[in-house]
C-alpha atoms as a PDB file:
ATOM      1  CA  UNK A   1     -49.787  65.253 -30.661  1.00  0.00           C
ATOM      2  CA  UNK A   2     -46.658  63.492 -31.778  1.00  0.00           C
ATOM      3  CA  UNK A   3     -45.165  60.598 -29.749  1.00  0.00           C
ATOM      4  CA  UNK A   4     -41.981  60.093 -29.952  1.00  0.00           C
ATOM      5  CA  UNK A   5     -40.620  56.575 -31.039  1.00  0.00           C
ATOM      6  CA  UNK A   6     -39.178  54.774 -28.140  1.00  0.00           C
ATOM      7  CA  UNK A   7     -35.888  52.734 -28.842  1.00  0.00           C
ATOM      8  CA  UNK A   8     -36.147  49.406 -27.178  1.00  0.00           C
ATOM      9  CA  UNK A   9     -33.293  48.138 -26.156  1.00  0.00           C
ATOM     10  CA  UNK A  10     -31.826  44.764 -26.683  1.00  0.00           C
ATOM     11  CA  UNK A  11     -31.592  42.392 -23.946  1.00  0.00           C
ATOM     12  CA  UNK A  12     -28.479  41.624 -22.387  1.00  0.00           C
ATOM     13  CA  UNK A  13     -27.667  38.337 -20.726  1.00  0.00           C
ATOM     14  CA  UNK A  14     -25.017  38.655 -17.741  1.00  0.00           C
ATOM     15  CA  UNK A  15     -22.491  35.913 -17.499  1.00  0.00           C
ATOM     16  CA  UNK A  16     -20.755  36.497 -14.541  1.00  0.00           C
ATOM     17  CA  UNK A  17     -23.057  34.730 -12.261  1.00  0.00           C
ATOM     18  CA  UNK A  18     -22.590  31.430 -14.450  1.00  0.00           C
ATOM     19  CA  UNK A  19     -18.801  31.769 -14.415  1.00  0.00           C
ATOM     20  CA  UNK A  20     -18.680  31.889 -10.895  1.00  0.00           C
ATOM     21  CA  UNK A  21     -20.756  28.914 -10.347  1.00  0.00           C
ATOM     22  CA  UNK A  22     -18.543  27.237 -12.911  1.00  0.00           C
ATOM     23  CA  UNK A  23     -14.922  28.328 -11.048  1.00  0.00           C
ATOM     24  CA  UNK A  24     -16.899  27.201  -7.507  1.00  0.00           C
ATOM     25  CA  UNK A  25     -17.582  23.794  -8.844  1.00  0.00           C
ATOM     26  CA  UNK A  26     -14.126  23.234 -10.692  1.00  0.00           C
ATOM     27  CA  UNK A  27     -12.897  24.537  -7.404  1.00  0.00           C
ATOM     28  CA  UNK A  28     -14.954  21.831  -5.273  1.00  0.00           C
ATOM     29  CA  UNK A  29     -14.133  18.768  -7.482  1.00  0.00           C
ATOM     30  CA  UNK A  30     -10.048  19.524  -7.426  1.00  0.00           C
ATOM     31  CA  UNK A  31     -10.499  19.923  -3.427  1.00  0.00           C
ATOM     32  CA  UNK A  32     -12.586  16.884  -2.949  1.00  0.00           C
ATOM     33  CA  UNK A  33     -10.487  14.354  -5.128  1.00  0.00           C
ATOM     34  CA  UNK A  34      -8.681  11.934  -3.772  1.00  0.00           C
ATOM     35  CA  UNK A  35      -5.269  10.942  -4.855  1.00  0.00           C
ATOM     36  CA  UNK A  36      -3.626   7.689  -4.399  1.00  0.00           C
ATOM     37  CA  UNK A  37      -0.216   6.799  -3.478  1.00  0.00           C
ATOM     38  CA  UNK A  38       1.262   3.542  -4.778  1.00  0.00           C
ATOM     39  CA  UNK A  39       3.768   1.878  -2.909  1.00  0.00           C
ATOM     40  CA  UNK A  40       7.093   0.972  -4.246  1.00  0.00           C
ATOM     41  CA  UNK A  41       7.016  -2.522  -2.379  1.00  0.00           C
ATOM     42  CA  UNK A  42       4.837  -5.316  -4.295  1.00  0.00           C
ATOM     43  CA  UNK A  43       3.062  -7.160  -1.421  1.00  0.00           C
ATOM     44  CA  UNK A  44       0.604  -9.975  -2.053  1.00  0.00           C
ATOM     45  CA  UNK A  45      -1.962  -9.394   1.020  1.00  0.00           C
ATOM     46  CA  UNK A  46      -4.040 -12.363   2.124  1.00  0.00           C
ATOM     47  CA  UNK A  47      -7.207 -13.010   1.497  1.00  0.00           C
ATOM     48  CA  UNK A  48      -9.656 -12.182   4.475  1.00  0.00           C
ATOM     49  CA  UNK A  49     -11.802 -15.890   3.659  1.00  0.00           C
ATOM     50  CA  UNK A  50      -9.788 -17.717   6.298  1.00  0.00           C
ATOM     51  CA  UNK A  51      -9.165 -20.708   4.071  1.00  0.00           C
ATOM     52  CA  UNK A  52      -5.463 -21.853   3.762  1.00  0.00           C
ATOM     53  CA  UNK A  53      -3.610 -21.125   0.379  1.00  0.00           C
ATOM     54  CA  UNK A  54      -2.383 -24.158  -1.669  1.00  0.00           C
ATOM     55  CA  UNK A  55       0.997 -24.107  -2.282  1.00  0.00           C
ATOM     56  CA  UNK A  56       3.310 -26.035  -4.526  1.00  0.00           C
ATOM     57  CA  UNK A  57       6.656 -25.176  -2.727  1.00  0.00           C
ATOM     58  CA  UNK A  58       7.641 -24.714   0.919  1.00  0.00           C
ATOM     59  CA  UNK A  59       7.345 -20.975   1.664  1.00  0.00           C
ATOM     60  CA  UNK A  60      10.163 -19.095   3.552  1.00  0.00           C
ATOM     61  CA  UNK A  61       8.974 -17.920   6.889  1.00  0.00           C
ATOM     62  CA  UNK A  62      10.180 -14.648   8.539  1.00  0.00           C
ATOM     63  CA  UNK A  63       9.248 -14.269  11.791  1.00  0.00           C
ATOM     64  CA  UNK A  64       9.842 -10.917  13.612  1.00  0.00           C
ATOM     65  CA  UNK A  65       9.139 -10.922  17.550  1.00  0.00           C
ATOM     66  CA  UNK A  66       8.179  -7.773  19.722  1.00  0.00           C
ATOM     67  CA  UNK A  67      11.603  -7.611  20.980  1.00  0.00           C
ATOM     68  CA  UNK A  68      13.407  -7.342  17.501  1.00  0.00           C
ATOM     69  CA  UNK A  69      14.691 -11.174  16.808  1.00  0.00           C
ATOM     70  CA  UNK A  70      13.977 -12.697  13.467  1.00  0.00           C
ATOM     71  CA  UNK A  71      13.670 -16.135  12.679  1.00  0.00           C
ATOM     72  CA  UNK A  72      14.005 -17.416   9.236  1.00  0.00           C
ATOM     73  CA  UNK A  73      12.892 -20.986   8.355  1.00  0.00           C
ATOM     74  CA  UNK A  74      13.871 -21.636  12.340  1.00  0.00           C
ATOM     75  CA  UNK A  75      17.189 -19.741  12.543  1.00  0.00           C
ATOM     76  CA  UNK A  76      17.364 -17.051  15.002  1.00  0.00           C
ATOM     77  CA  UNK A  77      18.995 -13.730  14.456  1.00  0.00           C
ATOM     78  CA  UNK A  78      19.253 -11.271  17.088  1.00  0.00           C
ATOM     79  CA  UNK A  79      18.704  -7.654  15.637  1.00  0.00           C
ATOM     80  CA  UNK A  80      20.370  -8.714  12.341  1.00  0.00           C
ATOM     81  CA  UNK A  81      21.887  -5.953   9.837  1.00  0.00           C
ATOM     82  CA  UNK A  82      19.916  -5.424   6.396  1.00  0.00           C
ATOM     83  CA  UNK A  83      23.223  -7.190   5.178  1.00  0.00           C
ATOM     84  CA  UNK A  84      23.227 -10.298   7.864  1.00  0.00           C
ATOM     85  CA  UNK A  85      19.407 -10.507   6.883  1.00  0.00           C
ATOM     86  CA  UNK A  86      20.003 -10.743   3.427  1.00  0.00           C
ATOM     87  CA  UNK A  87      22.755 -13.392   3.637  1.00  0.00           C
ATOM     88  CA  UNK A  88      20.538 -15.816   5.839  1.00  0.00           C
ATOM     89  CA  UNK A  89      17.519 -14.791   3.855  1.00  0.00           C
ATOM     90  CA  UNK A  90      19.832 -16.209   0.347  1.00  0.00           C
ATOM     91  CA  UNK A  91      21.234 -19.006   2.151  1.00  0.00           C
ATOM     92  CA  UNK A  92      17.447 -20.299   3.179  1.00  0.00           C
ATOM     93  CA  UNK A  93      15.976 -19.932  -0.213  1.00  0.00           C
ATOM     94  CA  UNK A  94      19.152 -21.721  -2.025  1.00  0.00           C
ATOM     95  CA  UNK A  95      18.422 -21.794  -5.586  1.00  0.00           C
ATOM     96  CA  UNK A  96      14.863 -20.923  -6.099  1.00  0.00           C
ATOM     97  CA  UNK A  97      14.526 -17.935  -8.337  1.00  0.00           C
ATOM     98  CA  UNK A  98      11.237 -16.201  -6.753  1.00  0.00           C
ATOM     99  CA  UNK A  99      10.203 -18.114  -3.378  1.00  0.00           C
ATOM    100  CA  UNK A 100       7.177 -17.607  -1.448  1.00  0.00           C
ATOM    101  CA  UNK A 101       8.217 -15.430   1.603  1.00  0.00           C
ATOM    102  CA  UNK A 102       5.663 -15.252   4.326  1.00  0.00           C
ATOM    103  CA  UNK A 103       6.772 -12.167   6.985  1.00  0.00           C
ATOM    104  CA  UNK A 104       4.748 -13.061  10.208  1.00  0.00           C
ATOM    105  CA  UNK A 105       5.711 -10.188  12.718  1.00  0.00           C
ATOM    106  CA  UNK A 106       4.277  -9.660  16.565  1.00  0.00           C
ATOM    107  CA  UNK A 107       1.589  -7.015  16.789  1.00  0.00           C
ATOM    108  CA  UNK A 108       3.891  -5.052  19.073  1.00  0.00           C
ATOM    109  CA  UNK A 109       6.752  -5.240  16.682  1.00  0.00           C
ATOM    110  CA  UNK A 110       8.833  -2.257  15.764  1.00  0.00           C
ATOM    111  CA  UNK A 111       7.525  -1.037  12.132  1.00  0.00           C
ATOM    112  CA  UNK A 112      11.233  -0.416  10.863  1.00  0.00           C
ATOM    113  CA  UNK A 113      11.630  -4.612  11.479  1.00  0.00           C
ATOM    114  CA  UNK A 114       9.001  -5.161   9.073  1.00  0.00           C
ATOM    115  CA  UNK A 115      10.119  -2.801   6.488  1.00  0.00           C
ATOM    116  CA  UNK A 116      13.669  -4.059   7.021  1.00  0.00           C
ATOM    117  CA  UNK A 117      12.686  -7.388   6.115  1.00  0.00           C
ATOM    118  CA  UNK A 118      10.212  -6.452   3.014  1.00  0.00           C
ATOM    119  CA  UNK A 119      13.313  -4.163   1.639  1.00  0.00           C
ATOM    120  CA  UNK A 120      15.866  -6.914   1.972  1.00  0.00           C
ATOM    121  CA  UNK A 121      13.813  -9.445  -0.034  1.00  0.00           C
ATOM    122  CA  UNK A 122      12.739  -6.662  -2.388  1.00  0.00           C
ATOM    123  CA  UNK A 123      16.727  -5.835  -2.889  1.00  0.00           C
ATOM    124  CA  UNK A 124      17.160  -9.678  -3.532  1.00  0.00           C
ATOM    125  CA  UNK A 125      14.862  -9.556  -6.271  1.00  0.00           C
ATOM    126  CA  UNK A 126      12.246 -11.468  -4.289  1.00  0.00           C
ATOM    127  CA  UNK A 127       8.571 -10.226  -5.300  1.00  0.00           C
ATOM    128  CA  UNK A 128       6.104 -12.860  -4.110  1.00  0.00           C
ATOM    129  CA  UNK A 129       5.954 -11.541  -0.345  1.00  0.00           C
ATOM    130  CA  UNK A 130       2.740 -12.205   1.807  1.00  0.00           C
ATOM    131  CA  UNK A 131       2.150 -10.728   5.034  1.00  0.00           C
ATOM    132  CA  UNK A 132       0.587 -13.290   7.868  1.00  0.00           C
ATOM    133  CA  UNK A 133      -2.174 -11.790   9.529  1.00  0.00           C
ATOM    134  CA  UNK A 134      -4.732 -14.023  11.709  1.00  0.00           C
ATOM    135  CA  UNK A 135      -8.732 -13.816  11.005  1.00  0.00           C
ATOM    136  CA  UNK A 136     -10.485 -11.627  13.686  1.00  0.00           C
ATOM    137  CA  UNK A 137     -12.795 -13.551  15.989  1.00  0.00           C
ATOM    138  CA  UNK A 138     -16.379 -12.320  16.416  1.00  0.00           C
ATOM    139  CA  UNK A 139     -16.940 -11.464  20.165  1.00  0.00           C
END
């Protein structure tokens, strides 16, 4: 009896499941990546240590009340326009090229007033801005 030789088939590697897994991993990493949006205003945020910073010069204080009243180094401005705010800020700064400006806003103040103060300082070329905060009390 003569047996016919069986042809052996070559093993076949199916890459489709591996490609599917690679695409799923790629999709997962693309979706889970966080994108950071940088702000156009440069702000020096205060440290949370509670210790005061030592200054060589007297800072310019801008205080914003809840009712929209601005105080620049003690001079009161009632709902000023950006132009008025700019003029009073330049007057308070004087000949200093880059003053340290501290913005203290009431927690109930309109956000637009804070942004207006920051934007006005930036347009005048002042880059050393600090937003004043108070330290949380432990209850």
